Amino acid sequence: MSQVSRHELSNGVEQNINNVLYYFFGSLKNKSEAKDVLEEFFTPTEVEMLSKRLALIGMISQEKSFSEIIRRLKVSPSTVGRFTKVVDRGGYEGVRSMILRCRADF
């Protein structure tokens, strides 16, 4: 599991490093570059976690059944329920629109 230091950053420092992160990911040019960065920067477990989150949001948006999502992604019913609740309330709109743009079929 990922861990973050208990020591809080000042708002200015947090904002600055977040801006660098957003700029960094926004500057990736293509799928190959994104793949290289993900594999270099994250552990295989972290990449799988991110991939599953995207797939969860995509499958919920495509109205796949709970049982299919659980079976295919090997996630718990509570995880599917939690994500479904957020999607139903209008959450993850930016992610959902990006998934639709790339025409991902889960």
PDB file of N, CA and C in Angstrom:
ATOM      1  N   MET A   1       0.837  -1.169   0.000  1.00  0.00           N
ATOM      2  CA  MET A   1       0.000   0.000   0.000  1.00  0.00           C
ATOM      3  C   MET A   1       0.888   1.241   0.000  1.00  0.00           C
ATOM      4  N   SER A   2       0.456   2.258  -0.725  1.00  0.00           N
ATOM      5  CA  SER A   2       1.201   3.509  -0.770  1.00  0.00           C
ATOM      6  C   SER A   2       1.127   4.225   0.565  1.00  0.00           C
ATOM      7  N   GLN A   3       2.196   4.903   0.884  1.00  0.00           N
ATOM      8  CA  GLN A   3       2.216   5.648   2.134  1.00  0.00           C
ATOM      9  C   GLN A   3       2.674   7.071   1.871  1.00  0.00           C
ATOM     10  N   VAL A   4       2.100   7.987   2.633  1.00  0.00           N
ATOM     11  CA  VAL A   4       2.478   9.390   2.564  1.00  0.00           C
ATOM     12  C   VAL A   4       2.931   9.792   3.955  1.00  0.00           C
ATOM     13  N   SER A   5       3.933  10.619   4.016  1.00  0.00           N
ATOM     14  CA  SER A   5       4.437  11.089   5.296  1.00  0.00           C
ATOM     15  C   SER A   5       3.331  11.759   6.109  1.00  0.00           C
ATOM     16  N   ARG A   6       3.392  11.583   7.416  1.00  0.00           N
ATOM     17  CA  ARG A   6       2.419  12.229   8.294  1.00  0.00           C
ATOM     18  C   ARG A   6       2.672  13.722   8.413  1.00  0.00           C
ATOM     19  N   HIS A   7       3.820  14.172   7.963  1.00  0.00           N
ATOM     20  CA  HIS A   7       4.174  15.585   8.061  1.00  0.00           C
ATOM     21  C   HIS A   7       3.525  16.347   6.897  1.00  0.00           C
ATOM     22  N   GLU A   8       2.633  17.257   7.249  1.00  0.00           N
ATOM     23  CA  GLU A   8       1.917  18.005   6.224  1.00  0.00           C
ATOM     24  C   GLU A   8       2.812  19.047   5.568  1.00  0.00           C
ATOM     25  N   LEU A   9       2.595  19.222   4.269  1.00  0.00           N
ATOM     26  CA  LEU A   9       3.306  20.250   3.518  1.00  0.00           C
ATOM     27  C   LEU A   9       2.583  21.582   3.698  1.00  0.00           C
ATOM     28  N   SER A  10       3.314  22.661   3.555  1.00  0.00           N
ATOM     29  CA  SER A  10       2.645  23.966   3.560  1.00  0.00           C
ATOM     30  C   SER A  10       1.825  24.061   2.277  1.00  0.00           C
ATOM     31  N   ASN A  11       0.785  24.879   2.313  1.00  0.00           N
ATOM     32  CA  ASN A  11      -0.076  25.015   1.131  1.00  0.00           C
ATOM     33  C   ASN A  11       0.701  25.443  -0.100  1.00  0.00           C
ATOM     34  N   GLY A  12       1.659  26.342   0.069  1.00  0.00           N
ATOM     35  CA  GLY A  12       2.449  26.810  -1.065  1.00  0.00           C
ATOM     36  C   GLY A  12       3.278  25.708  -1.686  1.00  0.00           C
ATOM     37  N   VAL A  13       3.933  24.918  -0.850  1.00  0.00           N
ATOM     38  CA  VAL A  13       4.750  23.810  -1.350  1.00  0.00           C
ATOM     39  C   VAL A  13       3.865  22.769  -2.018  1.00  0.00           C
ATOM     40  N   GLU A  14       2.773  22.415  -1.369  1.00  0.00           N
ATOM     41  CA  GLU A  14       1.860  21.418  -1.944  1.00  0.00           C
ATOM     42  C   GLU A  14       1.321  21.880  -3.292  1.00  0.00           C
ATOM     43  N   GLN A  15       0.917  23.130  -3.370  1.00  0.00           N
ATOM     44  CA  GLN A  15       0.400  23.669  -4.628  1.00  0.00           C
ATOM     45  C   GLN A  15       1.475  23.645  -5.713  1.00  0.00           C
ATOM     46  N   ASN A  16       2.681  24.032  -5.378  1.00  0.00           N
ATOM     47  CA  ASN A  16       3.774  24.046  -6.358  1.00  0.00           C
ATOM     48  C   ASN A  16       4.089  22.651  -6.887  1.00  0.00           C
ATOM     49  N   ILE A  17       4.227  21.687  -5.987  1.00  0.00           N
ATOM     50  CA  ILE A  17       4.582  20.346  -6.474  1.00  0.00           C
ATOM     51  C   ILE A  17       3.414  19.709  -7.225  1.00  0.00           C
ATOM     52  N   ASN A  18       2.176  20.021  -6.839  1.00  0.00           N
ATOM     53  CA  ASN A  18       1.022  19.524  -7.603  1.00  0.00           C
ATOM     54  C   ASN A  18       1.013  20.127  -9.003  1.00  0.00           C
ATOM     55  N   ASN A  19       1.337  21.415  -9.114  1.00  0.00           N
ATOM     56  CA  ASN A  19       1.385  22.049 -10.430  1.00  0.00           C
ATOM     57  C   ASN A  19       2.439  21.403 -11.317  1.00  0.00           C
ATOM     58  N   VAL A  20       3.582  21.059 -10.739  1.00  0.00           N
ATOM     59  CA  VAL A  20       4.625  20.367 -11.504  1.00  0.00           C
ATOM     60  C   VAL A  20       4.101  19.008 -11.978  1.00  0.00           C
ATOM     61  N   LEU A  21       3.419  18.301 -11.092  1.00  0.00           N
ATOM     62  CA  LEU A  21       2.846  16.999 -11.460  1.00  0.00           C
ATOM     63  C   LEU A  21       1.850  17.141 -12.602  1.00  0.00           C
ATOM     64  N   TYR A  22       0.938  18.114 -12.520  1.00  0.00           N
ATOM     65  CA  TYR A  22      -0.064  18.314 -13.576  1.00  0.00           C
ATOM     66  C   TYR A  22       0.610  18.679 -14.891  1.00  0.00           C
ATOM     67  N   TYR A  23       1.596  19.564 -14.830  1.00  0.00           N
ATOM     68  CA  TYR A  23       2.310  19.948 -16.038  1.00  0.00           C
ATOM     69  C   TYR A  23       3.030  18.737 -16.634  1.00  0.00           C
ATOM     70  N   PHE A  24       3.674  17.966 -15.765  1.00  0.00           N
ATOM     71  CA  PHE A  24       4.424  16.793 -16.213  1.00  0.00           C
ATOM     72  C   PHE A  24       3.522  15.827 -16.974  1.00  0.00           C
ATOM     73  N   PHE A  25       2.407  15.437 -16.367  1.00  0.00           N
ATOM     74  CA  PHE A  25       1.520  14.479 -17.034  1.00  0.00           C
ATOM     75  C   PHE A  25       0.831  15.096 -18.244  1.00  0.00           C
ATOM     76  N   GLY A  26       0.559  16.393 -18.178  1.00  0.00           N
ATOM     77  CA  GLY A  26      -0.051  17.070 -19.319  1.00  0.00           C
ATOM     78  C   GLY A  26       0.886  17.198 -20.506  1.00  0.00           C
ATOM     79  N   SER A  27       2.182  17.082 -20.278  1.00  0.00           N
ATOM     80  CA  SER A  27       3.149  17.239 -21.366  1.00  0.00           C
ATOM     81  C   SER A  27       3.487  15.922 -22.068  1.00  0.00           C
ATOM     82  N   LEU A  28       2.950  14.815 -21.595  1.00  0.00           N
ATOM     83  CA  LEU A  28       3.223  13.538 -22.266  1.00  0.00           C
ATOM     84  C   LEU A  28       2.641  13.578 -23.673  1.00  0.00           C
ATOM     85  N   LYS A  29       3.427  13.122 -24.640  1.00  0.00           N
ATOM     86  CA  LYS A  29       3.062  13.299 -26.041  1.00  0.00           C
ATOM     87  C   LYS A  29       2.238  12.162 -26.634  1.00  0.00           C
ATOM     88  N   ASN A  30       2.421  10.956 -26.131  1.00  0.00           N
ATOM     89  CA  ASN A  30       1.729   9.833 -26.752  1.00  0.00           C
ATOM     90  C   ASN A  30       1.647   8.650 -25.780  1.00  0.00           C
ATOM     91  N   LYS A  31       0.970   7.612 -26.241  1.00  0.00           N
ATOM     92  CA  LYS A  31       0.759   6.418 -25.424  1.00  0.00           C
ATOM     93  C   LYS A  31       2.078   5.763 -25.031  1.00  0.00           C
ATOM     94  N   SER A  32       3.023   5.722 -25.941  1.00  0.00           N
ATOM     95  CA  SER A  32       4.319   5.092 -25.667  1.00  0.00           C
ATOM     96  C   SER A  32       5.057   5.837 -24.561  1.00  0.00           C
ATOM     97  N   GLU A  33       5.033   7.165 -24.626  1.00  0.00           N
ATOM     98  CA  GLU A  33       5.689   7.964 -23.604  1.00  0.00           C
ATOM     99  C   GLU A  33       4.982   7.777 -22.252  1.00  0.00           C
ATOM    100  N   ALA A  34       3.663   7.743 -22.266  1.00  0.00           N
ATOM    101  CA  ALA A  34       2.897   7.535 -21.028  1.00  0.00           C
ATOM    102  C   ALA A  34       3.225   6.177 -20.426  1.00  0.00           C
ATOM    103  N   LYS A  35       3.307   5.147 -21.267  1.00  0.00           N
ATOM    104  CA  LYS A  35       3.640   3.799 -20.797  1.00  0.00           C
ATOM    105  C   LYS A  35       5.027   3.787 -20.151  1.00  0.00           C
ATOM    106  N   ASP A  36       5.975   4.416 -20.808  1.00  0.00           N
ATOM    107  CA  ASP A  36       7.340   4.469 -20.265  1.00  0.00           C
ATOM    108  C   ASP A  36       7.362   5.145 -18.897  1.00  0.00           C
ATOM    109  N   VAL A  37       6.674   6.264 -18.775  1.00  0.00           N
ATOM    110  CA  VAL A  37       6.648   6.992 -17.507  1.00  0.00           C
ATOM    111  C   VAL A  37       5.971   6.162 -16.427  1.00  0.00           C
ATOM    112  N   LEU A  38       4.829   5.567 -16.751  1.00  0.00           N
ATOM    113  CA  LEU A  38       4.117   4.757 -15.752  1.00  0.00           C
ATOM    114  C   LEU A  38       4.984   3.605 -15.263  1.00  0.00           C
ATOM    115  N   GLU A  39       5.647   2.912 -16.196  1.00  0.00           N
ATOM    116  CA  GLU A  39       6.466   1.763 -15.816  1.00  0.00           C
ATOM    117  C   GLU A  39       7.724   2.169 -15.050  1.00  0.00           C
ATOM    118  N   GLU A  40       8.227   3.376 -15.328  1.00  0.00           N
ATOM    119  CA  GLU A  40       9.440   3.837 -14.668  1.00  0.00           C
ATOM    120  C   GLU A  40       9.146   4.451 -13.298  1.00  0.00           C
ATOM    121  N   PHE A  41       8.019   5.128 -13.198  1.00  0.00           N
ATOM    122  CA  PHE A  41       7.712   5.932 -12.019  1.00  0.00           C
ATOM    123  C   PHE A  41       6.899   5.183 -10.967  1.00  0.00           C
ATOM    124  N   PHE A  42       6.054   4.261 -11.396  1.00  0.00           N
ATOM    125  CA  PHE A  42       5.170   3.536 -10.473  1.00  0.00           C
ATOM    126  C   PHE A  42       5.560   2.066 -10.397  1.00  0.00           C
ATOM    127  N   THR A  43       5.207   1.445  -9.278  1.00  0.00           N
ATOM    128  CA  THR A  43       5.409   0.009  -9.148  1.00  0.00           C
ATOM    129  C   THR A  43       4.353  -0.701  -9.995  1.00  0.00           C
ATOM    130  N   PRO A  44       4.588  -1.972 -10.337  1.00  0.00           N
ATOM    131  CA  PRO A  44       3.558  -2.712 -11.066  1.00  0.00           C
ATOM    132  C   PRO A  44       2.214  -2.728 -10.320  1.00  0.00           C
ATOM    133  N   THR A  45       2.254  -2.794  -9.004  1.00  0.00           N
ATOM    134  CA  THR A  45       1.018  -2.788  -8.218  1.00  0.00           C
ATOM    135  C   THR A  45       0.292  -1.459  -8.354  1.00  0.00           C
ATOM    136  N   GLU A  46       1.026  -0.359  -8.337  1.00  0.00           N
ATOM    137  CA  GLU A  46       0.397   0.958  -8.484  1.00  0.00           C
ATOM    138  C   GLU A  46      -0.207   1.131  -9.872  1.00  0.00           C
ATOM    139  N   VAL A  47       0.471   0.645 -10.905  1.00  0.00           N
ATOM    140  CA  VAL A  47      -0.066   0.715 -12.270  1.00  0.00           C
ATOM    141  C   VAL A  47      -1.346  -0.112 -12.354  1.00  0.00           C
ATOM    142  N   GLU A  48      -1.339  -1.296 -11.751  1.00  0.00           N
ATOM    143  CA  GLU A  48      -2.542  -2.138 -11.756  1.00  0.00           C
ATOM    144  C   GLU A  48      -3.694  -1.441 -11.023  1.00  0.00           C
ATOM    145  N   MET A  49      -3.397  -0.803  -9.905  1.00  0.00           N
ATOM    146  CA  MET A  49      -4.420  -0.102  -9.146  1.00  0.00           C
ATOM    147  C   MET A  49      -5.037   1.015  -9.992  1.00  0.00           C
ATOM    148  N   LEU A  50      -4.206   1.813 -10.645  1.00  0.00           N
ATOM    149  CA  LEU A  50      -4.709   2.889 -11.496  1.00  0.00           C
ATOM    150  C   LEU A  50      -5.526   2.333 -12.660  1.00  0.00           C
ATOM    151  N   SER A  51      -5.023   1.266 -13.276  1.00  0.00           N
ATOM    152  CA  SER A  51      -5.727   0.645 -14.398  1.00  0.00           C
ATOM    153  C   SER A  51      -7.093   0.122 -13.973  1.00  0.00           C
ATOM    154  N   LYS A  52      -7.139  -0.515 -12.813  1.00  0.00           N
ATOM    155  CA  LYS A  52      -8.416  -1.038 -12.323  1.00  0.00           C
ATOM    156  C   LYS A  52      -9.401   0.083 -12.022  1.00  0.00           C
ATOM    157  N   ARG A  53      -8.907   1.185 -11.471  1.00  0.00           N
ATOM    158  CA  ARG A  53      -9.797   2.321 -11.199  1.00  0.00           C
ATOM    159  C   ARG A  53     -10.395   2.864 -12.491  1.00  0.00           C
ATOM    160  N   LEU A  54      -9.556   3.026 -13.509  1.00  0.00           N
ATOM    161  CA  LEU A  54     -10.068   3.493 -14.795  1.00  0.00           C
ATOM    162  C   LEU A  54     -11.072   2.507 -15.388  1.00  0.00           C
ATOM    163  N   ALA A  55     -10.735   1.224 -15.324  1.00  0.00           N
ATOM    164  CA  ALA A  55     -11.639   0.204 -15.854  1.00  0.00           C
ATOM    165  C   ALA A  55     -12.958   0.179 -15.085  1.00  0.00           C
ATOM    166  N   LEU A  56     -12.882   0.318 -13.767  1.00  0.00           N
ATOM    167  CA  LEU A  56     -14.100   0.372 -12.952  1.00  0.00           C
ATOM    168  C   LEU A  56     -15.010   1.501 -13.400  1.00  0.00           C
ATOM    169  N   ILE A  57     -14.441   2.681 -13.531  1.00  0.00           N
ATOM    170  CA  ILE A  57     -15.234   3.841 -13.946  1.00  0.00           C
ATOM    171  C   ILE A  57     -15.787   3.628 -15.353  1.00  0.00           C
ATOM    172  N   GLY A  58     -14.961   3.078 -16.241  1.00  0.00           N
ATOM    173  CA  GLY A  58     -15.414   2.804 -17.602  1.00  0.00           C
ATOM    174  C   GLY A  58     -16.525   1.774 -17.653  1.00  0.00           C
ATOM    175  N   MET A  59     -16.372   0.695 -16.925  1.00  0.00           N
ATOM    176  CA  MET A  59     -17.381  -0.367 -16.943  1.00  0.00           C
ATOM    177  C   MET A  59     -18.694   0.097 -16.310  1.00  0.00           C
ATOM    178  N   ILE A  60     -18.604   0.877 -15.252  1.00  0.00           N
ATOM    179  CA  ILE A  60     -19.814   1.427 -14.637  1.00  0.00           C
ATOM    180  C   ILE A  60     -20.498   2.367 -15.621  1.00  0.00           C
ATOM    181  N   SER A  61     -19.721   3.188 -16.300  1.00  0.00           N
ATOM    182  CA  SER A  61     -20.269   4.122 -17.288  1.00  0.00           C
ATOM    183  C   SER A  61     -20.904   3.392 -18.458  1.00  0.00           C
ATOM    184  N   GLN A  62     -20.376   2.225 -18.787  1.00  0.00           N
ATOM    185  CA  GLN A  62     -20.927   1.407 -19.874  1.00  0.00           C
ATOM    186  C   GLN A  62     -22.053   0.491 -19.376  1.00  0.00           C
ATOM    187  N   GLU A  63     -22.437   0.686 -18.123  1.00  0.00           N
ATOM    188  CA  GLU A  63     -23.537  -0.039 -17.489  1.00  0.00           C
ATOM    189  C   GLU A  63     -23.328  -1.555 -17.478  1.00  0.00           C
ATOM    190  N   LYS A  64     -22.084  -1.958 -17.268  1.00  0.00           N
ATOM    191  CA  LYS A  64     -21.806  -3.386 -17.076  1.00  0.00           C
ATOM    192  C   LYS A  64     -22.374  -3.800 -15.716  1.00  0.00           C
ATOM    193  N   SER A  65     -22.722  -5.051 -15.571  1.00  0.00           N
ATOM    194  CA  SER A  65     -23.308  -5.529 -14.318  1.00  0.00           C
ATOM    195  C   SER A  65     -22.249  -5.615 -13.222  1.00  0.00           C
ATOM    196  N   PHE A  66     -22.729  -5.508 -11.979  1.00  0.00           N
ATOM    197  CA  PHE A  66     -21.828  -5.650 -10.830  1.00  0.00           C
ATOM    198  C   PHE A  66     -21.063  -6.958 -10.933  1.00  0.00           C
ATOM    199  N   SER A  67     -21.777  -8.038 -11.235  1.00  0.00           N
ATOM    200  CA  SER A  67     -21.125  -9.349 -11.248  1.00  0.00           C
ATOM    201  C   SER A  67     -20.049  -9.434 -12.325  1.00  0.00           C
ATOM    202  N   GLU A  68     -20.288  -8.833 -13.483  1.00  0.00           N
ATOM    203  CA  GLU A  68     -19.274  -8.851 -14.539  1.00  0.00           C
ATOM    204  C   GLU A  68     -18.048  -8.041 -14.121  1.00  0.00           C
ATOM    205  N   ILE A  69     -18.266  -6.872 -13.511  1.00  0.00           N
ATOM    206  CA  ILE A  69     -17.152  -6.040 -13.068  1.00  0.00           C
ATOM    207  C   ILE A  69     -16.321  -6.785 -12.026  1.00  0.00           C
ATOM    208  N   ILE A  70     -16.993  -7.383 -11.061  1.00  0.00           N
ATOM    209  CA  ILE A  70     -16.310  -8.131  -9.999  1.00  0.00           C
ATOM    210  C   ILE A  70     -15.512  -9.282 -10.585  1.00  0.00           C
ATOM    211  N   ARG A  71     -16.128 -10.020 -11.491  1.00  0.00           N
ATOM    212  CA  ARG A  71     -15.485 -11.191 -12.087  1.00  0.00           C
ATOM    213  C   ARG A  71     -14.287 -10.804 -12.941  1.00  0.00           C
ATOM    214  N   ARG A  72     -14.444  -9.798 -13.772  1.00  0.00           N
ATOM    215  CA  ARG A  72     -13.373  -9.441 -14.704  1.00  0.00           C
ATOM    216  C   ARG A  72     -12.221  -8.693 -14.040  1.00  0.00           C
ATOM    217  N   LEU A  73     -12.535  -7.817 -13.083  1.00  0.00           N
ATOM    218  CA  LEU A  73     -11.483  -7.001 -12.477  1.00  0.00           C
ATOM    219  C   LEU A  73     -10.966  -7.563 -11.156  1.00  0.00           C
ATOM    220  N   LYS A  74     -11.643  -8.593 -10.651  1.00  0.00           N
ATOM    221  CA  LYS A  74     -11.233  -9.191  -9.368  1.00  0.00           C
ATOM    222  C   LYS A  74     -11.220  -8.134  -8.259  1.00  0.00           C
ATOM    223  N   VAL A  75     -12.319  -7.389  -8.168  1.00  0.00           N
ATOM    224  CA  VAL A  75     -12.494  -6.402  -7.115  1.00  0.00           C
ATOM    225  C   VAL A  75     -13.667  -6.816  -6.242  1.00  0.00           C
ATOM    226  N   SER A  76     -13.752  -6.234  -5.064  1.00  0.00           N
ATOM    227  CA  SER A  76     -14.816  -6.601  -4.137  1.00  0.00           C
ATOM    228  C   SER A  76     -16.119  -5.883  -4.482  1.00  0.00           C
ATOM    229  N   PRO A  77     -17.244  -6.468  -4.064  1.00  0.00           N
ATOM    230  CA  PRO A  77     -18.536  -5.798  -4.264  1.00  0.00           C
ATOM    231  C   PRO A  77     -18.570  -4.407  -3.633  1.00  0.00           C
ATOM    232  N   SER A  78     -17.915  -4.244  -2.479  1.00  0.00           N
ATOM    233  CA  SER A  78     -17.931  -2.929  -1.831  1.00  0.00           C
ATOM    234  C   SER A  78     -17.175  -1.893  -2.662  1.00  0.00           C
ATOM    235  N   THR A  79     -16.118  -2.311  -3.348  1.00  0.00           N
ATOM    236  CA  THR A  79     -15.381  -1.392  -4.212  1.00  0.00           C
ATOM    237  C   THR A  79     -16.257  -0.953  -5.381  1.00  0.00           C
ATOM    238  N   VAL A  80     -16.934  -1.905  -5.998  1.00  0.00           N
ATOM    239  CA  VAL A  80     -17.832  -1.571  -7.115  1.00  0.00           C
ATOM    240  C   VAL A  80     -18.941  -0.643  -6.624  1.00  0.00           C
ATOM    241  N   GLY A  81     -19.488  -0.940  -5.463  1.00  0.00           N
ATOM    242  CA  GLY A  81     -20.546  -0.112  -4.903  1.00  0.00           C
ATOM    243  C   GLY A  81     -20.076   1.301  -4.624  1.00  0.00           C
ATOM    244  N   ARG A  82     -18.895   1.429  -4.070  1.00  0.00           N
ATOM    245  CA  ARG A  82     -18.355   2.749  -3.743  1.00  0.00           C
ATOM    246  C   ARG A  82     -18.138   3.579  -5.009  1.00  0.00           C
ATOM    247  N   PHE A  83     -17.558   2.979  -6.038  1.00  0.00           N
ATOM    248  CA  PHE A  83     -17.334   3.702  -7.284  1.00  0.00           C
ATOM    249  C   PHE A  83     -18.654   4.023  -7.982  1.00  0.00           C
ATOM    250  N   THR A  84     -19.595   3.092  -7.942  1.00  0.00           N
ATOM    251  CA  THR A  84     -20.897   3.318  -8.570  1.00  0.00           C
ATOM    252  C   THR A  84     -21.603   4.503  -7.929  1.00  0.00           C
ATOM    253  N   LYS A  85     -21.533   4.582  -6.624  1.00  0.00           N
ATOM    254  CA  LYS A  85     -22.168   5.682  -5.914  1.00  0.00           C
ATOM    255  C   LYS A  85     -21.605   7.026  -6.371  1.00  0.00           C
ATOM    256  N   VAL A  86     -20.292   7.098  -6.524  1.00  0.00           N
ATOM    257  CA  VAL A  86     -19.655   8.350  -6.967  1.00  0.00           C
ATOM    258  C   VAL A  86     -20.067   8.679  -8.400  1.00  0.00           C
ATOM    259  N   VAL A  87     -20.051   7.666  -9.283  1.00  0.00           N
ATOM    260  CA  VAL A  87     -20.441   7.884 -10.681  1.00  0.00           C
ATOM    261  C   VAL A  87     -21.902   8.331 -10.749  1.00  0.00           C
ATOM    262  N   ASP A  88     -22.765   7.676  -9.987  1.00  0.00           N
ATOM    263  CA  ASP A  88     -24.192   8.030  -9.996  1.00  0.00           C
ATOM    264  C   ASP A  88     -24.443   9.457  -9.522  1.00  0.00           C
ATOM    265  N   ARG A  89     -23.560   9.970  -8.706  1.00  0.00           N
ATOM    266  CA  ARG A  89     -23.693  11.342  -8.202  1.00  0.00           C
ATOM    267  C   ARG A  89     -22.980  12.355  -9.096  1.00  0.00           C
ATOM    268  N   GLY A  90     -22.512  11.898 -10.260  1.00  0.00           N
ATOM    269  CA  GLY A  90     -21.875  12.805 -11.206  1.00  0.00           C
ATOM    270  C   GLY A  90     -20.379  12.919 -11.058  1.00  0.00           C
ATOM    271  N   GLY A  91     -19.782  12.066 -10.236  1.00  0.00           N
ATOM    272  CA  GLY A  91     -18.346  12.117 -10.029  1.00  0.00           C
ATOM    273  C   GLY A  91     -17.564  11.509 -11.176  1.00  0.00           C
ATOM    274  N   TYR A  92     -16.298  11.798 -11.191  1.00  0.00           N
ATOM    275  CA  TYR A  92     -15.353  11.283 -12.187  1.00  0.00           C
ATOM    276  C   TYR A  92     -15.712  11.727 -13.608  1.00  0.00           C
ATOM    277  N   GLU A  93     -16.395  12.868 -13.749  1.00  0.00           N
ATOM    278  CA  GLU A  93     -16.823  13.310 -15.082  1.00  0.00           C
ATOM    279  C   GLU A  93     -15.656  13.481 -16.043  1.00  0.00           C
ATOM    280  N   GLY A  94     -14.571  14.081 -15.575  1.00  0.00           N
ATOM    281  CA  GLY A  94     -13.408  14.263 -16.441  1.00  0.00           C
ATOM    282  C   GLY A  94     -12.825  12.936 -16.894  1.00  0.00           C
ATOM    283  N   VAL A  95     -12.722  12.007 -15.961  1.00  0.00           N
ATOM    284  CA  VAL A  95     -12.197  10.680 -16.284  1.00  0.00           C
ATOM    285  C   VAL A  95     -13.143   9.960 -17.238  1.00  0.00           C
ATOM    286  N   ARG A  96     -14.439  10.057 -16.957  1.00  0.00           N
ATOM    287  CA  ARG A  96     -15.430   9.385 -17.812  1.00  0.00           C
ATOM    288  C   ARG A  96     -15.375   9.921 -19.237  1.00  0.00           C
ATOM    289  N   SER A  97     -15.249  11.224 -19.399  1.00  0.00           N
ATOM    290  CA  SER A  97     -15.209  11.780 -20.753  1.00  0.00           C
ATOM    291  C   SER A  97     -13.933  11.363 -21.477  1.00  0.00           C
ATOM    292  N   MET A  98     -12.814  11.262 -20.739  1.00  0.00           N
ATOM    293  CA  MET A  98     -11.572  10.800 -21.370  1.00  0.00           C
ATOM    294  C   MET A  98     -11.689   9.339 -21.801  1.00  0.00           C
ATOM    295  N   ILE A  99     -12.331   8.532 -20.973  1.00  0.00           N
ATOM    296  CA  ILE A  99     -12.533   7.122 -21.323  1.00  0.00           C
ATOM    297  C   ILE A  99     -13.391   7.015 -22.577  1.00  0.00           C
ATOM    298  N   LEU A 100     -14.440   7.828 -22.650  1.00  0.00           N
ATOM    299  CA  LEU A 100     -15.304   7.806 -23.831  1.00  0.00           C
ATOM    300  C   LEU A 100     -14.542   8.257 -25.073  1.00  0.00           C
ATOM    301  N   ARG A 101     -13.686   9.280 -24.917  1.00  0.00           N
ATOM    302  CA  ARG A 101     -12.904   9.780 -26.050  1.00  0.00           C
ATOM    303  C   ARG A 101     -11.966   8.715 -26.612  1.00  0.00           C
ATOM    304  N   CYS A 102     -11.397   7.901 -25.728  1.00  0.00           N
ATOM    305  CA  CYS A 102     -10.456   6.879 -26.232  1.00  0.00           C
ATOM    306  C   CYS A 102     -11.188   5.606 -26.643  1.00  0.00           C
ATOM    307  N   ARG A 103     -12.497   5.615 -26.499  1.00  0.00           N
ATOM    308  CA  ARG A 103     -13.360   4.498 -26.948  1.00  0.00           C
ATOM    309  C   ARG A 103     -12.926   3.167 -26.366  1.00  0.00           C
ATOM    310  N   ALA A 104     -12.579   3.210 -25.095  1.00  0.00           N
ATOM    311  CA  ALA A 104     -12.148   1.979 -24.399  1.00  0.00           C
ATOM    312  C   ALA A 104     -13.335   1.032 -24.282  1.00  0.00           C
ATOM    313  N   ASP A 105     -13.096  -0.218 -24.558  1.00  0.00           N
ATOM    314  CA  ASP A 105     -14.124  -1.239 -24.406  1.00  0.00           C
ATOM    315  C   ASP A 105     -13.674  -2.204 -23.333  1.00  0.00           C
ATOM    316  N   PHE A 106     -14.341  -2.139 -22.217  1.00  0.00           N
ATOM    317  CA  PHE A 106     -13.965  -2.989 -21.095  1.00  0.00           C
ATOM    318  C   PHE A 106     -14.795  -4.235 -21.142  1.00  0.00           C
TER     319      PHE A 106
END
